[in-house]
Amino acid sequence: MKLIMAVIQDKDSNRLVNALGDEDFKTTKLASTGGFLKEGNTTLMIGCNDDQVDLALKVIRDNCSQREQMVAPISPMGGSADSYIPKPVKVEVGGATVFILPIEQFVQF
């Protein structure tokens, strides 16, 4: 058995949970926050058999697209806010960060 942990953008979470459900994957959805953009993420925990990992990864890949987003940089610490004019910067967001862990036992009550 495997535990797949997928960290995705909130915007992709409903679409991915529905797509995983269509393939009979059971998911647990956790709210999380990204470190770089300080935006909300969703972390999905998906338990599956070893032979289902490739299908789960395909569903994740198909439903979590990467895209560009304009982000205003944060004012520098200790600098004068009066002289700082933030210029939005394009960054790539989306996609998924996936961890696949071996599971020794799974129990559901």
PDB file of N, CA and C in Angstrom:
ATOM      1  N   MET A   1       0.836  -1.191   0.000  1.00  0.00           N
ATOM      2  CA  MET A   1       0.000   0.000   0.000  1.00  0.00           C
ATOM      3  C   MET A   1       0.870   1.240   0.000  1.00  0.00           C
ATOM      4  N   LYS A   2       0.294   2.307  -0.499  1.00  0.00           N
ATOM      5  CA  LYS A   2       0.979   3.597  -0.554  1.00  0.00           C
ATOM      6  C   LYS A   2       0.058   4.691  -0.025  1.00  0.00           C
ATOM      7  N   LEU A   3       0.689   5.707   0.529  1.00  0.00           N
ATOM      8  CA  LEU A   3      -0.005   6.941   0.874  1.00  0.00           C
ATOM      9  C   LEU A   3       0.553   8.016  -0.041  1.00  0.00           C
ATOM     10  N   ILE A   4      -0.313   8.597  -0.848  1.00  0.00           N
ATOM     11  CA  ILE A   4       0.075   9.688  -1.736  1.00  0.00           C
ATOM     12  C   ILE A   4      -0.365  10.978  -1.084  1.00  0.00           C
ATOM     13  N   MET A   5       0.584  11.880  -0.875  1.00  0.00           N
ATOM     14  CA  MET A   5       0.261  13.217  -0.355  1.00  0.00           C
ATOM     15  C   MET A   5       0.540  14.202  -1.484  1.00  0.00           C
ATOM     16  N   ALA A   6      -0.497  14.899  -1.920  1.00  0.00           N
ATOM     17  CA  ALA A   6      -0.386  15.843  -3.018  1.00  0.00           C
ATOM     18  C   ALA A   6      -0.701  17.240  -2.513  1.00  0.00           C
ATOM     19  N   VAL A   7       0.245  18.160  -2.644  1.00  0.00           N
ATOM     20  CA  VAL A   7       0.045  19.557  -2.266  1.00  0.00           C
ATOM     21  C   VAL A   7      -0.279  20.309  -3.549  1.00  0.00           C
ATOM     22  N   ILE A   8      -1.477  20.898  -3.589  1.00  0.00           N
ATOM     23  CA  ILE A   8      -1.965  21.553  -4.796  1.00  0.00           C
ATOM     24  C   ILE A   8      -2.527  22.919  -4.453  1.00  0.00           C
ATOM     25  N   GLN A   9      -2.781  23.725  -5.470  1.00  0.00           N
ATOM     26  CA  GLN A   9      -3.413  25.029  -5.241  1.00  0.00           C
ATOM     27  C   GLN A   9      -4.888  24.840  -4.929  1.00  0.00           C
ATOM     28  N   ASP A  10      -5.429  25.709  -4.088  1.00  0.00           N
ATOM     29  CA  ASP A  10      -6.853  25.647  -3.746  1.00  0.00           C
ATOM     30  C   ASP A  10      -7.734  25.649  -4.996  1.00  0.00           C
ATOM     31  N   LYS A  11      -7.334  26.391  -6.017  1.00  0.00           N
ATOM     32  CA  LYS A  11      -8.138  26.513  -7.237  1.00  0.00           C
ATOM     33  C   LYS A  11      -8.332  25.170  -7.936  1.00  0.00           C
ATOM     34  N   ASP A  12      -7.392  24.244  -7.739  1.00  0.00           N
ATOM     35  CA  ASP A  12      -7.463  22.944  -8.398  1.00  0.00           C
ATOM     36  C   ASP A  12      -8.113  21.865  -7.536  1.00  0.00           C
ATOM     37  N   SER A  13      -8.381  22.156  -6.268  1.00  0.00           N
ATOM     38  CA  SER A  13      -8.750  21.103  -5.332  1.00  0.00           C
ATOM     39  C   SER A  13     -10.096  20.435  -5.646  1.00  0.00           C
ATOM     40  N   ASN A  14     -11.143  21.204  -5.911  1.00  0.00           N
ATOM     41  CA  ASN A  14     -12.453  20.590  -6.168  1.00  0.00           C
ATOM     42  C   ASN A  14     -12.432  19.728  -7.419  1.00  0.00           C
ATOM     43  N   ARG A  15     -11.811  20.235  -8.470  1.00  0.00           N
ATOM     44  CA  ARG A  15     -11.730  19.478  -9.722  1.00  0.00           C
ATOM     45  C   ARG A  15     -10.975  18.163  -9.509  1.00  0.00           C
ATOM     46  N   LEU A  16      -9.854  18.225  -8.766  1.00  0.00           N
ATOM     47  CA  LEU A  16      -9.059  17.025  -8.532  1.00  0.00           C
ATOM     48  C   LEU A  16      -9.785  16.028  -7.641  1.00  0.00           C
ATOM     49  N   VAL A  17     -10.411  16.489  -6.571  1.00  0.00           N
ATOM     50  CA  VAL A  17     -11.139  15.578  -5.675  1.00  0.00           C
ATOM     51  C   VAL A  17     -12.249  14.867  -6.449  1.00  0.00           C
ATOM     52  N   ASN A  18     -12.961  15.590  -7.314  1.00  0.00           N
ATOM     53  CA  ASN A  18     -14.017  14.972  -8.118  1.00  0.00           C
ATOM     54  C   ASN A  18     -13.446  13.948  -9.095  1.00  0.00           C
ATOM     55  N   ALA A  19     -12.332  14.289  -9.740  1.00  0.00           N
ATOM     56  CA  ALA A  19     -11.708  13.364 -10.701  1.00  0.00           C
ATOM     57  C   ALA A  19     -11.192  12.111  -9.998  1.00  0.00           C
ATOM     58  N   LEU A  20     -10.604  12.280  -8.813  1.00  0.00           N
ATOM     59  CA  LEU A  20     -10.142  11.119  -8.052  1.00  0.00           C
ATOM     60  C   LEU A  20     -11.326  10.252  -7.624  1.00  0.00           C
ATOM     61  N   GLY A  21     -12.421  10.882  -7.220  1.00  0.00           N
ATOM     62  CA  GLY A  21     -13.625  10.145  -6.850  1.00  0.00           C
ATOM     63  C   GLY A  21     -14.197   9.356  -8.019  1.00  0.00           C
ATOM     64  N   ASP A  22     -14.129   9.924  -9.224  1.00  0.00           N
ATOM     65  CA  ASP A  22     -14.600   9.224 -10.420  1.00  0.00           C
ATOM     66  C   ASP A  22     -13.803   7.938 -10.670  1.00  0.00           C
ATOM     67  N   GLU A  23     -12.559   7.911 -10.209  1.00  0.00           N
ATOM     68  CA  GLU A  23     -11.700   6.723 -10.360  1.00  0.00           C
ATOM     69  C   GLU A  23     -11.703   5.863  -9.092  1.00  0.00           C
ATOM     70  N   ASP A  24     -12.639   6.132  -8.181  1.00  0.00           N
ATOM     71  CA  ASP A  24     -12.816   5.375  -6.927  1.00  0.00           C
ATOM     72  C   ASP A  24     -11.670   5.519  -5.927  1.00  0.00           C
ATOM     73  N   PHE A  25     -10.952   6.643  -5.985  1.00  0.00           N
ATOM     74  CA  PHE A  25      -9.952   6.930  -4.956  1.00  0.00           C
ATOM     75  C   PHE A  25     -10.640   7.662  -3.819  1.00  0.00           C
ATOM     76  N   LYS A  26     -10.312   7.302  -2.610  1.00  0.00           N
ATOM     77  CA  LYS A  26     -10.825   8.002  -1.427  1.00  0.00           C
ATOM     78  C   LYS A  26      -9.759   9.006  -1.001  1.00  0.00           C
ATOM     79  N   THR A  27     -10.186  10.213  -0.677  1.00  0.00           N
ATOM     80  CA  THR A  27      -9.236  11.267  -0.328  1.00  0.00           C
ATOM     81  C   THR A  27      -9.598  11.910   0.999  1.00  0.00           C
ATOM     82  N   THR A  28      -8.583  12.419   1.662  1.00  0.00           N
ATOM     83  CA  THR A  28      -8.765  13.273   2.829  1.00  0.00           C
ATOM     84  C   THR A  28      -8.141  14.612   2.465  1.00  0.00           C
ATOM     85  N   LYS A  29      -8.908  15.672   2.648  1.00  0.00           N
ATOM     86  CA  LYS A  29      -8.502  17.012   2.232  1.00  0.00           C
ATOM     87  C   LYS A  29      -8.101  17.828   3.454  1.00  0.00           C
ATOM     88  N   LEU A  30      -6.883  18.393   3.411  1.00  0.00           N
ATOM     89  CA  LEU A  30      -6.374  19.224   4.503  1.00  0.00           C
ATOM     90  C   LEU A  30      -6.049  20.616   3.967  1.00  0.00           C
ATOM     91  N   ALA A  31      -6.378  21.641   4.731  1.00  0.00           N
ATOM     92  CA  ALA A  31      -5.992  23.004   4.359  1.00  0.00           C
ATOM     93  C   ALA A  31      -4.540  23.217   4.755  1.00  0.00           C
ATOM     94  N   SER A  32      -3.781  23.864   3.882  1.00  0.00           N
ATOM     95  CA  SER A  32      -2.382  24.167   4.169  1.00  0.00           C
ATOM     96  C   SER A  32      -2.038  25.517   3.552  1.00  0.00           C
ATOM     97  N   THR A  33      -0.862  26.032   3.882  1.00  0.00           N
ATOM     98  CA  THR A  33      -0.429  27.329   3.364  1.00  0.00           C
ATOM     99  C   THR A  33       0.942  27.192   2.756  1.00  0.00           C
ATOM    100  N   GLY A  34       1.112  27.766   1.569  1.00  0.00           N
ATOM    101  CA  GLY A  34       2.401  27.711   0.884  1.00  0.00           C
ATOM    102  C   GLY A  34       3.392  28.686   1.491  1.00  0.00           C
ATOM    103  N   GLY A  35       4.645  28.356   1.417  1.00  0.00           N
ATOM    104  CA  GLY A  35       5.689  29.189   2.006  1.00  0.00           C
ATOM    105  C   GLY A  35       6.092  30.367   1.145  1.00  0.00           C
ATOM    106  N   PHE A  36       6.160  30.182  -0.190  1.00  0.00           N
ATOM    107  CA  PHE A  36       6.672  31.228  -1.060  1.00  0.00           C
ATOM    108  C   PHE A  36       5.668  32.354  -1.270  1.00  0.00           C
ATOM    109  N   LEU A  37       4.458  32.025  -1.706  1.00  0.00           N
ATOM    110  CA  LEU A  37       3.452  33.052  -1.984  1.00  0.00           C
ATOM    111  C   LEU A  37       2.524  33.307  -0.808  1.00  0.00           C
ATOM    112  N   LYS A  38       2.651  32.524   0.259  1.00  0.00           N
ATOM    113  CA  LYS A  38       1.811  32.669   1.448  1.00  0.00           C
ATOM    114  C   LYS A  38       0.334  32.555   1.104  1.00  0.00           C
ATOM    115  N   GLU A  39       0.016  31.728   0.104  1.00  0.00           N
ATOM    116  CA  GLU A  39      -1.360  31.528  -0.315  1.00  0.00           C
ATOM    117  C   GLU A  39      -1.853  30.173   0.159  1.00  0.00           C
ATOM    118  N   GLY A  40      -3.169  30.037   0.198  1.00  0.00           N
ATOM    119  CA  GLY A  40      -3.760  28.780   0.615  1.00  0.00           C
ATOM    120  C   GLY A  40      -3.497  27.662  -0.370  1.00  0.00           C
ATOM    121  N   ASN A  41      -3.170  26.514   0.158  1.00  0.00           N
ATOM    122  CA  ASN A  41      -3.001  25.294  -0.613  1.00  0.00           C
ATOM    123  C   ASN A  41      -3.950  24.262  -0.058  1.00  0.00           C
ATOM    124  N   THR A  42      -4.057  23.174  -0.759  1.00  0.00           N
ATOM    125  CA  THR A  42      -4.782  22.014  -0.273  1.00  0.00           C
ATOM    126  C   THR A  42      -3.822  20.835  -0.310  1.00  0.00           C
ATOM    127  N   THR A  43      -3.797  20.073   0.757  1.00  0.00           N
ATOM    128  CA  THR A  43      -3.012  18.844   0.783  1.00  0.00           C
ATOM    129  C   THR A  43      -3.996  17.689   0.802  1.00  0.00           C
ATOM    130  N   LEU A  44      -3.873  16.808  -0.189  1.00  0.00           N
ATOM    131  CA  LEU A  44      -4.734  15.633  -0.263  1.00  0.00           C
ATOM    132  C   LEU A  44      -3.948  14.407   0.170  1.00  0.00           C
ATOM    133  N   MET A  45      -4.569  13.592   1.008  1.00  0.00           N
ATOM    134  CA  MET A  45      -3.996  12.303   1.387  1.00  0.00           C
ATOM    135  C   MET A  45      -4.827  11.236   0.681  1.00  0.00           C
ATOM    136  N   ILE A  46      -4.143  10.388  -0.095  1.00  0.00           N
ATOM    137  CA  ILE A  46      -4.814   9.379  -0.899  1.00  0.00           C
ATOM    138  C   ILE A  46      -4.171   8.033  -0.593  1.00  0.00           C
ATOM    139  N   GLY A  47      -4.928   7.128  -0.046  1.00  0.00           N
ATOM    140  CA  GLY A  47      -4.429   5.782   0.196  1.00  0.00           C
ATOM    141  C   GLY A  47      -4.794   4.888  -0.970  1.00  0.00           C
ATOM    142  N   CYS A  48      -3.840   4.084  -1.445  1.00  0.00           N
ATOM    143  CA  CYS A  48      -4.137   3.205  -2.572  1.00  0.00           C
ATOM    144  C   CYS A  48      -3.187   2.006  -2.586  1.00  0.00           C
ATOM    145  N   ASN A  49      -3.567   1.012  -3.380  1.00  0.00           N
ATOM    146  CA  ASN A  49      -2.694  -0.138  -3.582  1.00  0.00           C
ATOM    147  C   ASN A  49      -1.546   0.252  -4.498  1.00  0.00           C
ATOM    148  N   ASP A  50      -0.462  -0.516  -4.435  1.00  0.00           N
ATOM    149  CA  ASP A  50       0.729  -0.210  -5.237  1.00  0.00           C
ATOM    150  C   ASP A  50       0.416  -0.101  -6.724  1.00  0.00           C
ATOM    151  N   ASP A  51      -0.482  -0.960  -7.223  1.00  0.00           N
ATOM    152  CA  ASP A  51      -0.774  -0.967  -8.659  1.00  0.00           C
ATOM    153  C   ASP A  51      -1.660   0.202  -9.095  1.00  0.00           C
ATOM    154  N   GLN A  52      -2.154   1.018  -8.166  1.00  0.00           N
ATOM    155  CA  GLN A  52      -3.004   2.161  -8.499  1.00  0.00           C
ATOM    156  C   GLN A  52      -2.247   3.488  -8.501  1.00  0.00           C
ATOM    157  N   VAL A  53      -0.970   3.469  -8.124  1.00  0.00           N
ATOM    158  CA  VAL A  53      -0.200   4.712  -7.994  1.00  0.00           C
ATOM    159  C   VAL A  53      -0.104   5.443  -9.325  1.00  0.00           C
ATOM    160  N   ASP A  54       0.187   4.730 -10.410  1.00  0.00           N
ATOM    161  CA  ASP A  54       0.335   5.391 -11.709  1.00  0.00           C
ATOM    162  C   ASP A  54      -0.963   6.068 -12.151  1.00  0.00           C
ATOM    163  N   LEU A  55      -2.096   5.414 -11.911  1.00  0.00           N
ATOM    164  CA  LEU A  55      -3.384   6.019 -12.269  1.00  0.00           C
ATOM    165  C   LEU A  55      -3.635   7.271 -11.432  1.00  0.00           C
ATOM    166  N   ALA A  56      -3.347   7.194 -10.132  1.00  0.00           N
ATOM    167  CA  ALA A  56      -3.540   8.367  -9.266  1.00  0.00           C
ATOM    168  C   ALA A  56      -2.669   9.528  -9.731  1.00  0.00           C
ATOM    169  N   LEU A  57      -1.419   9.256 -10.083  1.00  0.00           N
ATOM    170  CA  LEU A  57      -0.519  10.314 -10.563  1.00  0.00           C
ATOM    171  C   LEU A  57      -1.027  10.916 -11.872  1.00  0.00           C
ATOM    172  N   LYS A  58      -1.572  10.092 -12.752  1.00  0.00           N
ATOM    173  CA  LYS A  58      -2.120  10.601 -14.009  1.00  0.00           C
ATOM    174  C   LYS A  58      -3.297  11.538 -13.740  1.00  0.00           C
ATOM    175  N   VAL A  59      -4.178  11.146 -12.824  1.00  0.00           N
ATOM    176  CA  VAL A  59      -5.335  11.983 -12.498  1.00  0.00           C
ATOM    177  C   VAL A  59      -4.860  13.313 -11.899  1.00  0.00           C
ATOM    178  N   ILE A  60      -3.871  13.260 -11.026  1.00  0.00           N
ATOM    179  CA  ILE A  60      -3.324  14.493 -10.428  1.00  0.00           C
ATOM    180  C   ILE A  60      -2.714  15.368 -11.516  1.00  0.00           C
ATOM    181  N   ARG A  61      -1.905  14.785 -12.378  1.00  0.00           N
ATOM    182  CA  ARG A  61      -1.245  15.536 -13.454  1.00  0.00           C
ATOM    183  C   ARG A  61      -2.272  16.179 -14.387  1.00  0.00           C
ATOM    184  N   ASP A  62      -3.338  15.446 -14.711  1.00  0.00           N
ATOM    185  CA  ASP A  62      -4.352  15.952 -15.645  1.00  0.00           C
ATOM    186  C   ASP A  62      -5.216  17.065 -15.060  1.00  0.00           C
ATOM    187  N   ASN A  63      -5.278  17.180 -13.742  1.00  0.00           N
ATOM    188  CA  ASN A  63      -6.192  18.140 -13.119  1.00  0.00           C
ATOM    189  C   ASN A  63      -5.518  19.279 -12.365  1.00  0.00           C
ATOM    190  N   CYS A  64      -4.204  19.307 -12.339  1.00  0.00           N
ATOM    191  CA  CYS A  64      -3.479  20.371 -11.635  1.00  0.00           C
ATOM    192  C   CYS A  64      -2.533  21.051 -12.613  1.00  0.00           C
ATOM    193  N   SER A  65      -3.067  22.024 -13.317  1.00  0.00           N
ATOM    194  CA  SER A  65      -2.283  22.679 -14.357  1.00  0.00           C
ATOM    195  C   SER A  65      -1.397  23.778 -13.790  1.00  0.00           C
ATOM    196  N   GLN A  66      -0.239  23.950 -14.422  1.00  0.00           N
ATOM    197  CA  GLN A  66       0.629  25.073 -14.063  1.00  0.00           C
ATOM    198  C   GLN A  66       0.201  26.280 -14.886  1.00  0.00           C
ATOM    199  N   ARG A  67       0.293  27.461 -14.285  1.00  0.00           N
ATOM    200  CA  ARG A  67      -0.091  28.693 -14.959  1.00  0.00           C
ATOM    201  C   ARG A  67       0.730  29.844 -14.396  1.00  0.00           C
ATOM    202  N   GLU A  68       0.740  30.950 -15.121  1.00  0.00           N
ATOM    203  CA  GLU A  68       1.457  32.131 -14.643  1.00  0.00           C
ATOM    204  C   GLU A  68       0.482  33.051 -13.926  1.00  0.00           C
ATOM    205  N   GLN A  69       1.000  33.715 -12.885  1.00  0.00           N
ATOM    206  CA  GLN A  69       0.173  34.613 -12.078  1.00  0.00           C
ATOM    207  C   GLN A  69       1.006  35.842 -11.756  1.00  0.00           C
ATOM    208  N   MET A  70       0.364  36.999 -11.764  1.00  0.00           N
ATOM    209  CA  MET A  70       1.050  38.237 -11.387  1.00  0.00           C
ATOM    210  C   MET A  70       0.983  38.379  -9.870  1.00  0.00           C
ATOM    211  N   VAL A  71       2.140  38.622  -9.254  1.00  0.00           N
ATOM    212  CA  VAL A  71       2.229  38.734  -7.805  1.00  0.00           C
ATOM    213  C   VAL A  71       2.972  40.022  -7.465  1.00  0.00           C
ATOM    214  N   ALA A  72       2.409  40.801  -6.535  1.00  0.00           N
ATOM    215  CA  ALA A  72       3.080  42.017  -6.071  1.00  0.00           C
ATOM    216  C   ALA A  72       4.095  41.624  -5.009  1.00  0.00           C
ATOM    217  N   PRO A  73       5.357  42.034  -5.168  1.00  0.00           N
ATOM    218  CA  PRO A  73       6.367  41.696  -4.160  1.00  0.00           C
ATOM    219  C   PRO A  73       6.088  42.382  -2.828  1.00  0.00           C
ATOM    220  N   ILE A  74       6.574  41.787  -1.767  1.00  0.00           N
ATOM    221  CA  ILE A  74       6.398  42.327  -0.420  1.00  0.00           C
ATOM    222  C   ILE A  74       7.410  43.445  -0.192  1.00  0.00           C
ATOM    223  N   SER A  75       6.984  44.487   0.525  1.00  0.00           N
ATOM    224  CA  SER A  75       7.857  45.616   0.840  1.00  0.00           C
ATOM    225  C   SER A  75       9.088  45.128   1.606  1.00  0.00           C
ATOM    226  N   PRO A  76      10.291  45.642   1.278  1.00  0.00           N
ATOM    227  CA  PRO A  76      11.495  45.182   1.969  1.00  0.00           C
ATOM    228  C   PRO A  76      11.472  45.577   3.450  1.00  0.00           C
ATOM    229  N   MET A  77      11.960  44.693   4.288  1.00  0.00           N
ATOM    230  CA  MET A  77      11.999  44.952   5.728  1.00  0.00           C
ATOM    231  C   MET A  77      13.003  46.072   6.024  1.00  0.00           C
ATOM    232  N   GLY A  78      12.610  46.984   6.854  1.00  0.00           N
ATOM    233  CA  GLY A  78      13.500  48.057   7.260  1.00  0.00           C
ATOM    234  C   GLY A  78      13.608  49.178   6.251  1.00  0.00           C
ATOM    235  N   GLY A  79      13.046  48.968   5.074  1.00  0.00           N
ATOM    236  CA  GLY A  79      13.098  50.008   4.052  1.00  0.00           C
ATOM    237  C   GLY A  79      11.945  50.974   4.217  1.00  0.00           C
ATOM    238  N   SER A  80      12.049  52.093   3.576  1.00  0.00           N
ATOM    239  CA  SER A  80      10.993  53.087   3.634  1.00  0.00           C
ATOM    240  C   SER A  80       9.865  52.678   2.698  1.00  0.00           C
ATOM    241  N   ALA A  81       8.683  52.554   3.236  1.00  0.00           N
ATOM    242  CA  ALA A  81       7.527  52.183   2.430  1.00  0.00           C
ATOM    243  C   ALA A  81       7.162  53.302   1.456  1.00  0.00           C
ATOM    244  N   ASP A  82       7.557  54.548   1.769  1.00  0.00           N
ATOM    245  CA  ASP A  82       7.244  55.683   0.900  1.00  0.00           C
ATOM    246  C   ASP A  82       7.965  55.584  -0.439  1.00  0.00           C
ATOM    247  N   SER A  83       9.190  55.088  -0.418  1.00  0.00           N
ATOM    248  CA  SER A  83       9.994  55.055  -1.634  1.00  0.00           C
ATOM    249  C   SER A  83       9.897  53.714  -2.365  1.00  0.00           C
ATOM    250  N   TYR A  84       9.165  52.775  -1.818  1.00  0.00           N
ATOM    251  CA  TYR A  84       9.068  51.451  -2.415  1.00  0.00           C
ATOM    252  C   TYR A  84       7.825  51.366  -3.280  1.00  0.00           C
ATOM    253  N   ILE A  85       8.008  51.174  -4.574  1.00  0.00           N
ATOM    254  CA  ILE A  85       6.885  51.041  -5.489  1.00  0.00           C
ATOM    255  C   ILE A  85       6.878  49.591  -5.986  1.00  0.00           C
ATOM    256  N   PRO A  86       5.948  48.808  -5.484  1.00  0.00           N
ATOM    257  CA  PRO A  86       5.944  47.403  -5.881  1.00  0.00           C
ATOM    258  C   PRO A  86       5.545  47.233  -7.341  1.00  0.00           C
ATOM    259  N   LYS A  87       6.316  46.459  -8.059  1.00  0.00           N
ATOM    260  CA  LYS A  87       6.010  46.153  -9.449  1.00  0.00           C
ATOM    261  C   LYS A  87       5.639  44.676  -9.507  1.00  0.00           C
ATOM    262  N   PRO A  88       4.431  44.359  -9.967  1.00  0.00           N
ATOM    263  CA  PRO A  88       4.034  42.954 -10.032  1.00  0.00           C
ATOM    264  C   PRO A  88       5.024  42.128 -10.851  1.00  0.00           C
ATOM    265  N   VAL A  89       5.213  40.898 -10.409  1.00  0.00           N
ATOM    266  CA  VAL A  89       6.140  39.984 -11.047  1.00  0.00           C
ATOM    267  C   VAL A  89       5.359  38.749 -11.468  1.00  0.00           C
ATOM    268  N   LYS A  90       5.688  38.200 -12.627  1.00  0.00           N
ATOM    269  CA  LYS A  90       5.046  36.978 -13.098  1.00  0.00           C
ATOM    270  C   LYS A  90       5.749  35.780 -12.481  1.00  0.00           C
ATOM    271  N   VAL A  91       4.978  34.891 -11.848  1.00  0.00           N
ATOM    272  CA  VAL A  91       5.538  33.658 -11.302  1.00  0.00           C
ATOM    273  C   VAL A  91       4.688  32.486 -11.782  1.00  0.00           C
ATOM    274  N   GLU A  92       5.310  31.320 -11.861  1.00  0.00           N
ATOM    275  CA  GLU A  92       4.586  30.116 -12.248  1.00  0.00           C
ATOM    276  C   GLU A  92       3.986  29.476 -11.003  1.00  0.00           C
ATOM    277  N   VAL A  93       2.689  29.224 -11.041  1.00  0.00           N
ATOM    278  CA  VAL A  93       1.989  28.613  -9.915  1.00  0.00           C
ATOM    279  C   VAL A  93       1.223  27.393 -10.408  1.00  0.00           C
ATOM    280  N   GLY A  94       0.687  26.654  -9.483  1.00  0.00           N
ATOM    281  CA  GLY A  94      -0.107  25.499  -9.842  1.00  0.00           C
ATOM    282  C   GLY A  94       0.728  24.241  -9.909  1.00  0.00           C
ATOM    283  N   GLY A  95       0.192  23.257 -10.573  1.00  0.00           N
ATOM    284  CA  GLY A  95       0.851  21.964 -10.595  1.00  0.00           C
ATOM    285  C   GLY A  95       0.625  21.265  -9.268  1.00  0.00           C
ATOM    286  N   ALA A  96       1.483  20.331  -8.966  1.00  0.00           N
ATOM    287  CA  ALA A  96       1.344  19.578  -7.722  1.00  0.00           C
ATOM    288  C   ALA A  96       2.713  19.146  -7.237  1.00  0.00           C
ATOM    289  N   THR A  97       2.864  19.097  -5.936  1.00  0.00           N
ATOM    290  CA  THR A  97       4.024  18.476  -5.309  1.00  0.00           C
ATOM    291  C   THR A  97       3.506  17.212  -4.653  1.00  0.00           C
ATOM    292  N   VAL A  98       4.063  16.073  -5.053  1.00  0.00           N
ATOM    293  CA  VAL A  98       3.512  14.783  -4.642  1.00  0.00           C
ATOM    294  C   VAL A  98       4.563  13.979  -3.885  1.00  0.00           C
ATOM    295  N   PHE A  99       4.151  13.434  -2.754  1.00  0.00           N
ATOM    296  CA  PHE A  99       4.988  12.541  -1.960  1.00  0.00           C
ATOM    297  C   PHE A  99       4.312  11.175  -1.952  1.00  0.00           C
ATOM    298  N   ILE A 100       5.079  10.119  -2.183  1.00  0.00           N
ATOM    299  CA  ILE A 100       4.535   8.764  -2.162  1.00  0.00           C
ATOM    300  C   ILE A 100       5.262   7.994  -1.064  1.00  0.00           C
ATOM    301  N   LEU A 101       4.495   7.541  -0.075  1.00  0.00           N
ATOM    302  CA  LEU A 101       5.063   6.893   1.103  1.00  0.00           C
ATOM    303  C   LEU A 101       4.563   5.456   1.222  1.00  0.00           C
ATOM    304  N   PRO A 102       5.426   4.541   1.640  1.00  0.00           N
ATOM    305  CA  PRO A 102       4.959   3.169   1.866  1.00  0.00           C
ATOM    306  C   PRO A 102       4.120   3.102   3.144  1.00  0.00           C
ATOM    307  N   ILE A 103       3.077   2.308   3.101  1.00  0.00           N
ATOM    308  CA  ILE A 103       2.191   2.145   4.252  1.00  0.00           C
ATOM    309  C   ILE A 103       2.248   0.689   4.694  1.00  0.00           C
ATOM    310  N   GLU A 104       2.516   0.489   5.951  1.00  0.00           N
ATOM    311  CA  GLU A 104       2.592  -0.867   6.483  1.00  0.00           C
ATOM    312  C   GLU A 104       1.221  -1.458   6.740  1.00  0.00           C
ATOM    313  N   GLN A 105       0.298  -0.617   7.227  1.00  0.00           N
ATOM    314  CA  GLN A 105      -1.028  -1.106   7.561  1.00  0.00           C
ATOM    315  C   GLN A 105      -2.031   0.016   7.445  1.00  0.00           C
ATOM    316  N   PHE A 106      -3.252  -0.328   7.045  1.00  0.00           N
ATOM    317  CA  PHE A 106      -4.331   0.642   6.947  1.00  0.00           C
ATOM    318  C   PHE A 106      -5.532   0.076   7.701  1.00  0.00           C
ATOM    319  N   VAL A 107      -6.077   0.840   8.629  1.00  0.00           N
ATOM    320  CA  VAL A 107      -7.228   0.400   9.411  1.00  0.00           C
ATOM    321  C   VAL A 107      -8.280   1.499   9.342  1.00  0.00           C
ATOM    322  N   GLN A 108      -9.520   1.105   9.089  1.00  0.00           N
ATOM    323  CA  GLN A 108     -10.616   2.067   9.041  1.00  0.00           C
ATOM    324  C   GLN A 108     -11.726   1.575   9.967  1.00  0.00           C
ATOM    325  N   PHE A 109     -12.189   2.426  10.854  1.00  0.00           N
ATOM    326  CA  PHE A 109     -13.250   2.056  11.790  1.00  0.00           C
ATOM    327  C   PHE A 109     -14.541   2.720  11.413  1.00  0.00           C
TER     328      PHE A 109
END
